[in-house]
Amino acid sequence: MEEEKKIPKHIAIIMDGNRRWAKEHGLPSFAGHKKVSDDVLEPLIEHAADCGVKFITFWAWSTENWGRTQTEVKGIMDLFREVIAKKWKRLQEKGVRILTIGDLSKFPGDIQQSIKKVIEDTKDNTRITTIFALNYGGRDEIIRAIHTIEPAKLQTLTSADFSAHLDTKGIPDPELIIRTGGEQRLSGFLLWQSEYSELFFPSWYMPDFTPQKLDGLLDEFYQRTRRFGK
């Protein structure tokens, strides 16, 4: 019955396959990233909001991605500038709240300032919260969280206490995590928060992720029985 469908509050996406998509289409690798920013993210965010999803997270840049070629890193930094200035502005106008997780200190100063401004400007928006994981790694997040805890409190630390020190403080754990591109691993994404997430590993690449494909994954999600260890 329709009422038995529990819309997930939080969907998290590992955006994989951009470079493979570009190669298969005879395009430079950067074209895959541009396709996602231009044609994929905004429709997905809007459709998720229309479905009743309250939070959607995109892993856009990992702590390991800095090891890519200098040309690709520079190109993606320039793309971030464009996305923040234009795409995030459109999201703001559509009632989307924007947050980030990860260590922003590694980014150029102008990008850091632009991100902080968008976060401030969208703080009262309520349609959906969109989280971009930037310079994010699950182990890095946990280590940074540990460094913020007073040593005297470690002996009585609870899971809830620890969660309050993570980048995702105030954000519910994702009910489902999607990794596009066919690789069947999380690569450290939301290590703490993914304890009971349902995992999906579609073979298609992130540039091919449409709202219709999200509907298909949601239909599969509704068929799963979530026991939470019981």
Protein backbone atom coordinates (compact mmCIF):
# COMPACT_ATOMS: atom_id res chain seq x y z
CA MET A 1 0.00 0.00 0.00
CA GLU A 2 1.15 3.57 -0.70
CA GLU A 3 1.25 4.54 2.98
CA GLU A 4 3.76 1.76 3.68
CA LYS A 5 6.35 3.53 1.54
CA LYS A 6 8.67 5.45 3.83
CA ILE A 7 10.33 8.23 1.91
CA PRO A 8 13.98 8.38 2.92
CA LYS A 9 14.87 11.57 4.72
CA HIS A 10 18.44 11.48 3.45
CA ILE A 11 19.94 10.14 0.22
CA ALA A 12 23.71 10.25 -0.28
CA ILE A 13 25.44 9.85 -3.64
CA ILE A 14 29.02 8.93 -4.52
CA MET A 15 29.41 10.60 -7.90
CA ASP A 16 31.56 8.14 -9.82
CA GLY A 17 32.20 7.52 -13.50
CA ASN A 18 32.52 11.05 -14.86
CA ARG A 19 35.85 10.41 -16.57
CA ARG A 20 34.81 6.99 -17.88
CA TRP A 21 31.63 8.52 -19.31
CA ALA A 22 33.65 11.19 -21.09
CA LYS A 23 36.10 8.64 -22.50
CA GLU A 24 33.29 6.45 -23.83
CA HIS A 25 31.79 9.52 -25.53
CA GLY A 26 35.12 10.53 -27.07
CA LEU A 27 35.36 13.64 -24.92
CA PRO A 28 38.07 15.03 -22.64
CA SER A 29 37.76 13.81 -19.05
CA PHE A 30 36.68 17.23 -17.78
CA ALA A 31 33.53 16.99 -19.93
CA GLY A 32 32.05 14.41 -17.58
CA HIS A 33 32.35 16.75 -14.60
CA LYS A 34 30.84 19.60 -16.62
CA LYS A 35 27.92 17.42 -17.75
CA VAL A 36 27.06 16.62 -14.14
CA SER A 37 27.24 20.24 -12.99
CA ASP A 38 25.29 21.55 -15.99
CA ASP A 39 22.60 18.92 -16.51
CA VAL A 40 22.38 16.43 -13.64
CA LEU A 41 22.57 17.97 -10.17
CA GLU A 42 19.76 20.52 -10.29
CA PRO A 43 17.11 18.14 -11.73
CA LEU A 44 18.06 15.48 -9.18
CA ILE A 45 17.86 17.90 -6.28
CA GLU A 46 14.49 19.25 -7.41
CA HIS A 47 13.07 15.78 -8.01
CA ALA A 48 14.28 14.53 -4.64
CA ALA A 49 12.60 17.53 -3.00
CA ASP A 50 9.36 16.84 -4.88
CA CYS A 51 9.49 13.22 -3.64
CA GLY A 52 9.70 14.42 -0.03
CA VAL A 53 13.40 13.83 0.57
CA LYS A 54 14.74 16.35 3.08
CA PHE A 55 18.51 15.89 2.66
CA ILE A 56 20.63 14.91 -0.33
CA THR A 57 24.42 14.65 -0.23
CA PHE A 58 26.82 14.61 -3.16
CA TRP A 59 30.45 13.56 -2.71
CA ALA A 60 32.03 16.08 -5.04
CA TRP A 61 35.72 16.05 -4.01
CA SER A 62 37.57 13.58 -1.81
CA THR A 63 40.72 14.02 0.25
CA GLU A 64 42.45 11.77 -2.30
CA ASN A 65 41.38 13.74 -5.38
CA TRP A 66 44.18 16.26 -4.89
CA GLY A 67 46.49 13.59 -6.29
CA ARG A 68 45.02 13.97 -9.78
CA THR A 69 46.89 15.84 -12.50
CA GLN A 70 47.49 19.54 -11.96
CA THR A 71 45.47 20.31 -15.07
CA GLU A 72 42.43 18.37 -13.85
CA VAL A 73 42.61 19.84 -10.34
CA LYS A 74 42.78 23.39 -11.72
CA GLY A 75 39.90 22.68 -14.09
CA ILE A 76 37.73 21.35 -11.29
CA MET A 77 38.58 24.30 -9.01
CA ASP A 78 37.44 26.63 -11.81
CA LEU A 79 34.30 24.52 -12.22
CA PHE A 80 33.59 24.84 -8.48
CA ARG A 81 33.83 28.61 -8.85
CA GLU A 82 31.29 28.53 -11.68
CA VAL A 83 28.97 26.15 -9.86
CA ILE A 84 29.00 28.21 -6.66
CA ALA A 85 28.43 31.49 -8.48
CA LYS A 86 25.73 30.31 -10.89
CA LYS A 87 24.27 26.89 -10.07
CA TRP A 88 24.13 27.34 -6.30
CA LYS A 89 22.55 30.75 -6.83
CA ARG A 90 19.76 29.08 -8.81
CA LEU A 91 19.29 26.52 -6.05
CA GLN A 92 19.10 29.30 -3.51
CA GLU A 93 16.32 30.94 -5.52
CA LYS A 94 14.43 27.62 -5.55
CA GLY A 95 14.39 27.34 -1.76
CA VAL A 96 17.31 24.93 -1.39
CA ARG A 97 19.48 25.11 1.70
CA ILE A 98 23.15 24.37 1.00
CA LEU A 99 25.68 22.89 3.43
CA THR A 100 29.11 21.31 3.06
CA ILE A 101 31.02 18.62 4.88
CA GLY A 102 34.76 18.09 4.73
CA ASP A 103 37.85 20.19 5.42
CA LEU A 104 37.39 23.37 3.40
CA SER A 105 40.73 24.80 4.57
CA LYS A 106 42.54 23.08 1.70
CA PHE A 107 40.61 25.05 -0.94
CA PRO A 108 41.71 28.40 -2.40
CA GLY A 109 40.57 31.32 -0.25
CA ASP A 110 38.09 32.69 -2.78
CA ILE A 111 36.29 29.34 -2.96
CA GLN A 112 36.14 29.11 0.82
CA GLN A 113 34.62 32.57 1.08
CA SER A 114 32.07 31.89 -1.67
CA ILE A 115 30.98 28.67 0.04
CA LYS A 116 30.58 30.39 3.41
CA LYS A 117 28.46 33.11 1.80
CA VAL A 118 26.12 30.62 0.10
CA ILE A 119 25.72 28.66 3.32
CA GLU A 120 24.79 31.87 5.14
CA ASP A 121 22.48 33.07 2.37
CA THR A 122 20.54 29.78 2.22
CA LYS A 123 20.36 29.01 5.94
CA ASP A 124 16.63 29.76 6.17
CA ASN A 125 15.60 27.78 3.07
CA THR A 126 13.47 24.73 3.82
CA ARG A 127 12.59 22.96 0.56
CA ILE A 128 15.51 20.52 0.80
CA THR A 129 19.01 20.60 2.27
CA THR A 130 21.72 19.80 -0.26
CA ILE A 131 25.10 18.85 1.16
CA PHE A 132 28.28 18.87 -0.88
CA ALA A 133 31.13 16.75 0.47
CA LEU A 134 34.25 18.76 -0.39
CA ASN A 135 37.76 17.61 0.49
CA TYR A 136 35.92 14.89 2.37
CA GLY A 137 37.12 11.52 3.58
CA GLY A 138 35.48 9.33 6.21
CA ARG A 139 38.68 8.64 8.15
CA ASP A 140 39.70 12.28 7.94
CA GLU A 141 36.31 13.32 9.34
CA ILE A 142 36.61 10.90 12.26
CA ILE A 143 40.16 12.00 13.09
CA ARG A 144 39.16 15.66 12.96
CA ALA A 145 36.21 14.89 15.25
CA ILE A 146 38.45 13.12 17.79
CA HIS A 147 40.72 16.15 17.93
CA THR A 148 37.77 18.30 19.05
CA ILE A 149 36.85 16.10 22.02
CA GLU A 150 38.21 16.99 25.43
CA PRO A 151 40.35 14.11 26.78
CA ALA A 152 38.45 14.14 30.06
CA LYS A 153 35.22 13.29 28.21
CA LEU A 154 36.54 10.28 26.33
CA GLN A 155 35.79 7.81 29.13
CA THR A 156 32.06 8.56 29.06
CA LEU A 157 31.72 9.23 25.34
CA THR A 158 28.56 7.84 23.73
CA SER A 159 27.69 7.34 20.06
CA ALA A 160 25.41 10.37 20.21
CA ASP A 161 28.17 12.45 21.78
CA PHE A 162 30.61 11.45 19.05
CA SER A 163 28.09 12.13 16.27
CA ALA A 164 27.80 15.69 17.56
CA HIS A 165 31.48 16.24 16.73
CA LEU A 166 31.21 15.05 13.12
CA ASP A 167 30.74 17.24 10.05
CA THR A 168 27.18 15.91 9.78
CA LYS A 169 26.04 17.20 13.16
CA GLY A 170 22.29 17.81 12.92
CA ILE A 171 21.95 15.81 9.70
CA PRO A 172 20.23 12.39 9.84
CA ASP A 173 22.21 9.35 8.71
CA PRO A 174 21.46 8.44 5.08
CA GLU A 175 18.88 5.70 4.59
CA LEU A 176 20.37 4.90 1.20
CA ILE A 177 23.74 5.49 -0.38
CA ILE A 178 24.12 5.32 -4.16
CA ARG A 179 27.45 4.86 -5.91
CA THR A 180 27.22 5.28 -9.66
CA GLY A 181 29.63 3.65 -12.09
CA GLY A 182 29.41 0.03 -10.94
CA GLU A 183 32.17 -0.02 -8.31
CA GLN A 184 30.90 -1.84 -5.23
CA ARG A 185 32.62 -0.05 -2.36
CA LEU A 186 32.11 3.10 -0.31
CA SER A 187 35.76 4.24 -0.41
CA GLY A 188 35.42 5.76 3.06
CA PHE A 189 32.26 7.74 2.37
CA LEU A 190 30.30 8.50 5.57
CA LEU A 191 32.03 5.68 7.46
CA TRP A 192 30.28 6.43 10.75
CA GLN A 193 26.92 7.45 9.32
CA SER A 194 26.48 4.52 6.89
CA GLU A 195 26.05 1.85 9.58
CA TYR A 196 22.51 0.94 8.49
CA SER A 197 22.33 2.57 5.09
CA GLU A 198 20.95 0.59 2.17
CA LEU A 199 23.59 0.44 -0.56
CA PHE A 200 23.01 0.70 -4.30
CA PHE A 201 25.67 0.24 -6.99
CA PRO A 202 24.11 0.94 -10.40
CA SER A 203 26.35 0.34 -13.41
CA TRP A 204 25.53 3.62 -15.14
CA TYR A 205 27.71 6.66 -14.66
CA MET A 206 26.91 9.87 -12.78
CA PRO A 207 26.41 11.92 -16.01
CA ASP A 208 23.56 9.49 -16.86
CA PHE A 209 21.79 9.92 -13.50
CA THR A 210 18.27 11.18 -14.27
CA PRO A 211 15.25 11.74 -12.01
CA GLN A 212 13.72 8.63 -13.60
CA LYS A 213 16.70 6.56 -12.49
CA LEU A 214 16.27 7.93 -8.98
CA ASP A 215 12.64 6.76 -9.07
CA GLY A 216 13.83 3.27 -9.98
CA LEU A 217 16.26 3.18 -7.07
CA LEU A 218 13.56 4.42 -4.70
CA ASP A 219 11.23 1.67 -5.89
CA GLU A 220 13.93 -0.88 -5.05
CA PHE A 221 14.53 0.80 -1.69
CA TYR A 222 10.85 0.39 -0.80
CA GLN A 223 11.13 -3.37 -1.44
CA ARG A 224 13.95 -3.86 1.04
CA THR A 225 13.38 -4.94 4.62
CA ARG A 226 15.41 -2.86 7.02
CA ARG A 227 16.00 -4.84 10.24
CA PHE A 228 18.66 -2.70 11.93
CA GLY A 229 20.35 -5.78 13.34
CA LYS A 230 17.15 -7.15 14.88
